[in-house]
Amino acid sequence: MDEVPDTALDLARLVDELTVLDQRRVDIGESLVQLEYLYARMGARQQADAARKAFQEKYVGRIYELADGLRT
């Protein structure tokens, strides 16, 4: 019977950890978008393209992977 409360605590801890990780991912995505914008305004097209590519491939791509996993 003691295992159920321990498992509930583990679940709560994991949910909290995922919440922190999710917010960090959002923050990183926002930073990539800001970098792309700043580079574009400065005329640094290659750097702007690199920031956009990182956002699209790593950030958005991972969101699509997660969504596909939820559908199955």
PDB file of N, CA and C in Angstrom:
ATOM      1  N   MET A   1       0.807  -1.200   0.000  1.00  0.00           N
ATOM      2  CA  MET A   1       0.000   0.000   0.000  1.00  0.00           C
ATOM      3  C   MET A   1       0.855   1.270   0.000  1.00  0.00           C
ATOM      4  N   ASP A   2       2.051   1.176   0.564  1.00  0.00           N
ATOM      5  CA  ASP A   2       2.943   2.334   0.585  1.00  0.00           C
ATOM      6  C   ASP A   2       3.451   2.700  -0.801  1.00  0.00           C
ATOM      7  N   GLU A   3       3.377   1.758  -1.724  1.00  0.00           N
ATOM      8  CA  GLU A   3       3.882   2.014  -3.071  1.00  0.00           C
ATOM      9  C   GLU A   3       3.023   3.027  -3.822  1.00  0.00           C
ATOM     10  N   VAL A   4       1.731   3.072  -3.554  1.00  0.00           N
ATOM     11  CA  VAL A   4       0.854   3.998  -4.272  1.00  0.00           C
ATOM     12  C   VAL A   4       1.209   5.451  -3.970  1.00  0.00           C
ATOM     13  N   PRO A   5       1.360   5.863  -2.704  1.00  0.00           N
ATOM     14  CA  PRO A   5       1.750   7.257  -2.452  1.00  0.00           C
ATOM     15  C   PRO A   5       3.116   7.595  -3.051  1.00  0.00           C
ATOM     16  N   ASP A   6       4.068   6.644  -3.002  1.00  0.00           N
ATOM     17  CA  ASP A   6       5.380   6.883  -3.601  1.00  0.00           C
ATOM     18  C   ASP A   6       5.253   7.087  -5.102  1.00  0.00           C
ATOM     19  N   THR A   7       4.419   6.296  -5.735  1.00  0.00           N
ATOM     20  CA  THR A   7       4.200   6.423  -7.174  1.00  0.00           C
ATOM     21  C   THR A   7       3.533   7.750  -7.501  1.00  0.00           C
ATOM     22  N   ALA A   8       2.598   8.180  -6.676  1.00  0.00           N
ATOM     23  CA  ALA A   8       1.941   9.477  -6.891  1.00  0.00           C
ATOM     24  C   ALA A   8       2.951  10.611  -6.765  1.00  0.00           C
ATOM     25  N   LEU A   9       3.859  10.501  -5.825  1.00  0.00           N
ATOM     26  CA  LEU A   9       4.903  11.520  -5.686  1.00  0.00           C
ATOM     27  C   LEU A   9       5.835  11.516  -6.892  1.00  0.00           C
ATOM     28  N   ASP A  10       6.174  10.326  -7.385  1.00  0.00           N
ATOM     29  CA  ASP A  10       7.006  10.227  -8.584  1.00  0.00           C
ATOM     30  C   ASP A  10       6.313  10.874  -9.777  1.00  0.00           C
ATOM     31  N   LEU A  11       5.022  10.623  -9.906  1.00  0.00           N
ATOM     32  CA  LEU A  11       4.258  11.205 -11.008  1.00  0.00           C
ATOM     33  C   LEU A  11       4.253  12.725 -10.902  1.00  0.00           C
ATOM     34  N   ALA A  12       3.994  13.246  -9.736  1.00  0.00           N
ATOM     35  CA  ALA A  12       3.977  14.700  -9.537  1.00  0.00           C
ATOM     36  C   ALA A  12       5.348  15.303  -9.850  1.00  0.00           C
ATOM     37  N   ARG A  13       6.403  14.635  -9.434  1.00  0.00           N
ATOM     38  CA  ARG A  13       7.757  15.118  -9.698  1.00  0.00           C
ATOM     39  C   ARG A  13       8.044  15.139 -11.201  1.00  0.00           C
ATOM     40  N   LEU A  14       7.636  14.085 -11.885  1.00  0.00           N
ATOM     41  CA  LEU A  14       7.856  14.018 -13.332  1.00  0.00           C
ATOM     42  C   LEU A  14       7.056  15.083 -14.076  1.00  0.00           C
ATOM     43  N   VAL A  15       5.838  15.317 -13.654  1.00  0.00           N
ATOM     44  CA  VAL A  15       5.018  16.357 -14.283  1.00  0.00           C
ATOM     45  C   VAL A  15       5.662  17.721 -14.078  1.00  0.00           C
ATOM     46  N   ASP A  16       6.147  17.984 -12.875  1.00  0.00           N
ATOM     47  CA  ASP A  16       6.833  19.252 -12.610  1.00  0.00           C
ATOM     48  C   ASP A  16       8.075  19.398 -13.480  1.00  0.00           C
ATOM     49  N   GLU A  17       8.823  18.313 -13.606  1.00  0.00           N
ATOM     50  CA  GLU A  17      10.029  18.341 -14.420  1.00  0.00           C
ATOM     51  C   GLU A  17       9.703  18.596 -15.890  1.00  0.00           C
ATOM     52  N   LEU A  18       8.658  17.961 -16.391  1.00  0.00           N
ATOM     53  CA  LEU A  18       8.243  18.191 -17.779  1.00  0.00           C
ATOM     54  C   LEU A  18       7.784  19.621 -18.001  1.00  0.00           C
ATOM     55  N   THR A  19       7.126  20.188 -17.016  1.00  0.00           N
ATOM     56  CA  THR A  19       6.676  21.578 -17.116  1.00  0.00           C
ATOM     57  C   THR A  19       7.868  22.515 -17.257  1.00  0.00           C
ATOM     58  N   VAL A  20       8.892  22.288 -16.463  1.00  0.00           N
ATOM     59  CA  VAL A  20      10.102  23.107 -16.537  1.00  0.00           C
ATOM     60  C   VAL A  20      10.782  22.929 -17.894  1.00  0.00           C
ATOM     61  N   LEU A  21      10.894  21.694 -18.345  1.00  0.00           N
ATOM     62  CA  LEU A  21      11.514  21.430 -19.645  1.00  0.00           C
ATOM     63  C   LEU A  21      10.725  22.060 -20.789  1.00  0.00           C
ATOM     64  N   ASP A  22       9.412  21.999 -20.706  1.00  0.00           N
ATOM     65  CA  ASP A  22       8.569  22.585 -21.742  1.00  0.00           C
ATOM     66  C   ASP A  22       8.775  24.094 -21.801  1.00  0.00           C
ATOM     67  N   GLN A  23       8.828  24.746 -20.651  1.00  0.00           N
ATOM     68  CA  GLN A  23       9.041  26.202 -20.630  1.00  0.00           C
ATOM     69  C   GLN A  23      10.413  26.545 -21.180  1.00  0.00           C
ATOM     70  N   ARG A  24      11.404  25.744 -20.862  1.00  0.00           N
ATOM     71  CA  ARG A  24      12.756  25.983 -21.391  1.00  0.00           C
ATOM     72  C   ARG A  24      12.770  25.860 -22.915  1.00  0.00           C
ATOM     73  N   ARG A  25      12.067  24.871 -23.443  1.00  0.00           N
ATOM     74  CA  ARG A  25      11.960  24.689 -24.899  1.00  0.00           C
ATOM     75  C   ARG A  25      11.295  25.910 -25.541  1.00  0.00           C
ATOM     76  N   VAL A  26      10.244  26.413 -24.925  1.00  0.00           N
ATOM     77  CA  VAL A  26       9.565  27.606 -25.441  1.00  0.00           C
ATOM     78  C   VAL A  26      10.518  28.799 -25.429  1.00  0.00           C
ATOM     79  N   ASP A  27      11.253  28.955 -24.338  1.00  0.00           N
ATOM     80  CA  ASP A  27      12.204  30.065 -24.238  1.00  0.00           C
ATOM     81  C   ASP A  27      13.274  29.978 -25.326  1.00  0.00           C
ATOM     82  N   ILE A  28      13.773  28.781 -25.575  1.00  0.00           N
ATOM     83  CA  ILE A  28      14.792  28.595 -26.612  1.00  0.00           C
ATOM     84  C   ILE A  28      14.200  28.918 -27.989  1.00  0.00           C
ATOM     85  N   GLY A  29      12.985  28.479 -28.248  1.00  0.00           N
ATOM     86  CA  GLY A  29      12.327  28.788 -29.518  1.00  0.00           C
ATOM     87  C   GLY A  29      12.169  30.281 -29.716  1.00  0.00           C
ATOM     88  N   GLU A  30      11.767  30.981 -28.662  1.00  0.00           N
ATOM     89  CA  GLU A  30      11.624  32.437 -28.746  1.00  0.00           C
ATOM     90  C   GLU A  30      12.969  33.100 -29.014  1.00  0.00           C
ATOM     91  N   SER A  31      14.013  32.593 -28.386  1.00  0.00           N
ATOM     92  CA  SER A  31      15.355  33.149 -28.609  1.00  0.00           C
ATOM     93  C   SER A  31      15.800  32.957 -30.052  1.00  0.00           C
ATOM     94  N   LEU A  32      15.511  31.803 -30.623  1.00  0.00           N
ATOM     95  CA  LEU A  32      15.860  31.565 -32.029  1.00  0.00           C
ATOM     96  C   LEU A  32      15.124  32.524 -32.955  1.00  0.00           C
ATOM     97  N   VAL A  33      13.855  32.757 -32.682  1.00  0.00           N
ATOM     98  CA  VAL A  33      13.073  33.690 -33.498  1.00  0.00           C
ATOM     99  C   VAL A  33      13.632  35.107 -33.360  1.00  0.00           C
ATOM    100  N   GLN A  34      13.982  35.503 -32.149  1.00  0.00           N
ATOM    101  CA  GLN A  34      14.554  36.835 -31.935  1.00  0.00           C
ATOM    102  C   GLN A  34      15.887  36.992 -32.661  1.00  0.00           C
ATOM    103  N   LEU A  35      16.711  35.947 -32.616  1.00  0.00           N
ATOM    104  CA  LEU A  35      17.984  36.003 -33.334  1.00  0.00           C
ATOM    105  C   LEU A  35      17.773  36.138 -34.838  1.00  0.00           C
ATOM    106  N   GLU A  36      16.848  35.371 -35.363  1.00  0.00           N
ATOM    107  CA  GLU A  36      16.564  35.456 -36.797  1.00  0.00           C
ATOM    108  C   GLU A  36      16.136  36.873 -37.173  1.00  0.00           C
ATOM    109  N   TYR A  37      15.279  37.464 -36.369  1.00  0.00           N
ATOM    110  CA  TYR A  37      14.802  38.829 -36.618  1.00  0.00           C
ATOM    111  C   TYR A  37      15.953  39.835 -36.561  1.00  0.00           C
ATOM    112  N   LEU A  38      16.785  39.740 -35.517  1.00  0.00           N
ATOM    113  CA  LEU A  38      17.900  40.681 -35.378  1.00  0.00           C
ATOM    114  C   LEU A  38      18.904  40.536 -36.510  1.00  0.00           C
ATOM    115  N   TYR A  39      19.247  39.306 -36.852  1.00  0.00           N
ATOM    116  CA  TYR A  39      20.179  39.091 -37.956  1.00  0.00           C
ATOM    117  C   TYR A  39      19.610  39.649 -39.263  1.00  0.00           C
ATOM    118  N   ALA A  40      18.340  39.422 -39.504  1.00  0.00           N
ATOM    119  CA  ALA A  40      17.717  39.928 -40.733  1.00  0.00           C
ATOM    120  C   ALA A  40      17.755  41.455 -40.769  1.00  0.00           C
ATOM    121  N   ARG A  41      17.490  42.088 -39.641  1.00  0.00           N
ATOM    122  CA  ARG A  41      17.515  43.564 -39.590  1.00  0.00           C
ATOM    123  C   ARG A  41      18.906  44.116 -39.800  1.00  0.00           C
ATOM    124  N   MET A  42      19.922  43.353 -39.384  1.00  0.00           N
ATOM    125  CA  MET A  42      21.308  43.796 -39.544  1.00  0.00           C
ATOM    126  C   MET A  42      21.840  43.471 -40.936  1.00  0.00           C
ATOM    127  N   GLY A  43      21.050  42.759 -41.729  1.00  0.00           N
ATOM    128  CA  GLY A  43      21.496  42.397 -43.065  1.00  0.00           C
ATOM    129  C   GLY A  43      22.387  41.168 -43.091  1.00  0.00           C
ATOM    130  N   ALA A  44      22.425  40.437 -41.984  1.00  0.00           N
ATOM    131  CA  ALA A  44      23.246  39.221 -41.910  1.00  0.00           C
ATOM    132  C   ALA A  44      22.381  38.042 -42.347  1.00  0.00           C
ATOM    133  N   ARG A  45      22.178  37.953 -43.637  1.00  0.00           N
ATOM    134  CA  ARG A  45      21.244  36.978 -44.199  1.00  0.00           C
ATOM    135  C   ARG A  45      21.635  35.540 -43.875  1.00  0.00           C
ATOM    136  N   GLN A  46      22.929  35.222 -43.936  1.00  0.00           N
ATOM    137  CA  GLN A  46      23.365  33.851 -43.679  1.00  0.00           C
ATOM    138  C   GLN A  46      23.058  33.439 -42.229  1.00  0.00           C
ATOM    139  N   GLN A  47      23.326  34.341 -41.284  1.00  0.00           N
ATOM    140  CA  GLN A  47      23.043  34.043 -39.882  1.00  0.00           C
ATOM    141  C   GLN A  47      21.542  33.958 -39.634  1.00  0.00           C
ATOM    142  N   ALA A  48      20.773  34.824 -40.275  1.00  0.00           N
ATOM    143  CA  ALA A  48      19.310  34.785 -40.138  1.00  0.00           C
ATOM    144  C   ALA A  48      18.774  33.464 -40.667  1.00  0.00           C
ATOM    145  N   ASP A  49      19.301  33.038 -41.803  1.00  0.00           N
ATOM    146  CA  ASP A  49      18.872  31.754 -42.369  1.00  0.00           C
ATOM    147  C   ASP A  49      19.229  30.590 -41.442  1.00  0.00           C
ATOM    148  N   ALA A  50      20.404  30.663 -40.824  1.00  0.00           N
ATOM    149  CA  ALA A  50      20.832  29.597 -39.909  1.00  0.00           C
ATOM    150  C   ALA A  50      19.923  29.543 -38.672  1.00  0.00           C
ATOM    151  N   ALA A  51      19.559  30.710 -38.137  1.00  0.00           N
ATOM    152  CA  ALA A  51      18.663  30.744 -36.976  1.00  0.00           C
ATOM    153  C   ALA A  51      17.281  30.206 -37.346  1.00  0.00           C
ATOM    154  N   ARG A  52      16.787  30.583 -38.519  1.00  0.00           N
ATOM    155  CA  ARG A  52      15.483  30.092 -38.975  1.00  0.00           C
ATOM    156  C   ARG A  52      15.520  28.586 -39.193  1.00  0.00           C
ATOM    157  N   LYS A  53      16.595  28.101 -39.797  1.00  0.00           N
ATOM    158  CA  LYS A  53      16.736  26.672 -40.053  1.00  0.00           C
ATOM    159  C   LYS A  53      16.773  25.894 -38.735  1.00  0.00           C
ATOM    160  N   ALA A  54      17.507  26.390 -37.749  1.00  0.00           N
ATOM    161  CA  ALA A  54      17.561  25.730 -36.443  1.00  0.00           C
ATOM    162  C   ALA A  54      16.175  25.689 -35.815  1.00  0.00           C
ATOM    163  N   PHE A  55      15.442  26.781 -35.906  1.00  0.00           N
ATOM    164  CA  PHE A  55      14.088  26.828 -35.355  1.00  0.00           C
ATOM    165  C   PHE A  55      13.189  25.814 -36.050  1.00  0.00           C
ATOM    166  N   GLN A  56      13.233  25.802 -37.372  1.00  0.00           N
ATOM    167  CA  GLN A  56      12.354  24.921 -38.131  1.00  0.00           C
ATOM    168  C   GLN A  56      12.708  23.452 -37.952  1.00  0.00           C
ATOM    169  N   GLU A  57      13.980  23.143 -37.974  1.00  0.00           N
ATOM    170  CA  GLU A  57      14.383  21.732 -37.923  1.00  0.00           C
ATOM    171  C   GLU A  57      14.406  21.168 -36.511  1.00  0.00           C
ATOM    172  N   LYS A  58      14.887  21.938 -35.571  1.00  0.00           N
ATOM    173  CA  LYS A  58      15.049  21.420 -34.209  1.00  0.00           C
ATOM    174  C   LYS A  58      13.823  21.686 -33.347  1.00  0.00           C
ATOM    175  N   TYR A  59      13.284  22.895 -33.425  1.00  0.00           N
ATOM    176  CA  TYR A  59      12.180  23.268 -32.543  1.00  0.00           C
ATOM    177  C   TYR A  59      10.844  22.781 -33.093  1.00  0.00           C
ATOM    178  N   VAL A  60      10.481  23.265 -34.247  1.00  0.00           N
ATOM    179  CA  VAL A  60       9.199  22.883 -34.844  1.00  0.00           C
ATOM    180  C   VAL A  60       9.216  21.403 -35.225  1.00  0.00           C
ATOM    181  N   GLY A  61      10.337  20.933 -35.732  1.00  0.00           N
ATOM    182  CA  GLY A  61      10.437  19.527 -36.106  1.00  0.00           C
ATOM    183  C   GLY A  61      10.176  18.603 -34.928  1.00  0.00           C
ATOM    184  N   ARG A  62      10.694  18.955 -33.774  1.00  0.00           N
ATOM    185  CA  ARG A  62      10.482  18.123 -32.582  1.00  0.00           C
ATOM    186  C   ARG A  62       9.021  18.171 -32.144  1.00  0.00           C
ATOM    187  N   ILE A  63       8.375  19.309 -32.272  1.00  0.00           N
ATOM    188  CA  ILE A  63       6.955  19.420 -31.930  1.00  0.00           C
ATOM    189  C   ILE A  63       6.134  18.501 -32.830  1.00  0.00           C
ATOM    190  N   TYR A  64       6.461  18.479 -34.115  1.00  0.00           N
ATOM    191  CA  TYR A  64       5.754  17.584 -35.040  1.00  0.00           C
ATOM    192  C   TYR A  64       5.981  16.120 -34.678  1.00  0.00           C
ATOM    193  N   GLU A  65       7.209  15.779 -34.298  1.00  0.00           N
ATOM    194  CA  GLU A  65       7.503  14.405 -33.889  1.00  0.00           C
ATOM    195  C   GLU A  65       6.678  14.017 -32.675  1.00  0.00           C
ATOM    196  N   LEU A  66       6.587  14.896 -31.715  1.00  0.00           N
ATOM    197  CA  LEU A  66       5.803  14.616 -30.516  1.00  0.00           C
ATOM    198  C   LEU A  66       4.319  14.469 -30.858  1.00  0.00           C
ATOM    199  N   ALA A  67       3.828  15.334 -31.721  1.00  0.00           N
ATOM    200  CA  ALA A  67       2.419  15.256 -32.109  1.00  0.00           C
ATOM    201  C   ALA A  67       2.132  13.948 -32.840  1.00  0.00           C
ATOM    202  N   ASP A  68       3.041  13.536 -33.705  1.00  0.00           N
ATOM    203  CA  ASP A  68       2.855  12.263 -34.411  1.00  0.00           C
ATOM    204  C   ASP A  68       2.830  11.108 -33.423  1.00  0.00           C
ATOM    205  N   GLY A  69       3.661  11.156 -32.403  1.00  0.00           N
ATOM    206  CA  GLY A  69       3.695  10.107 -31.391  1.00  0.00           C
ATOM    207  C   GLY A  69       2.399  10.035 -30.593  1.00  0.00           C
ATOM    208  N   LEU A  70       1.765  11.163 -30.390  1.00  0.00           N
ATOM    209  CA  LEU A  70       0.499  11.178 -29.637  1.00  0.00           C
ATOM    210  C   LEU A  70      -0.644  10.597 -30.455  1.00  0.00           C
ATOM    211  N   ARG A  71      -0.545  10.678 -31.771  1.00  0.00           N
ATOM    212  CA  ARG A  71      -1.619  10.173 -32.627  1.00  0.00           C
ATOM    213  C   ARG A  71      -1.629   8.669 -32.718  1.00  0.00           C
ATOM    214  N   THR A  72      -0.504   8.029 -32.457  1.00  0.00           N
ATOM    215  CA  THR A  72      -0.445   6.565 -32.591  1.00  0.00           C
ATOM    216  C   THR A  72      -0.822   5.868 -31.314  1.00  0.00           C
TER     217      THR A  72
END
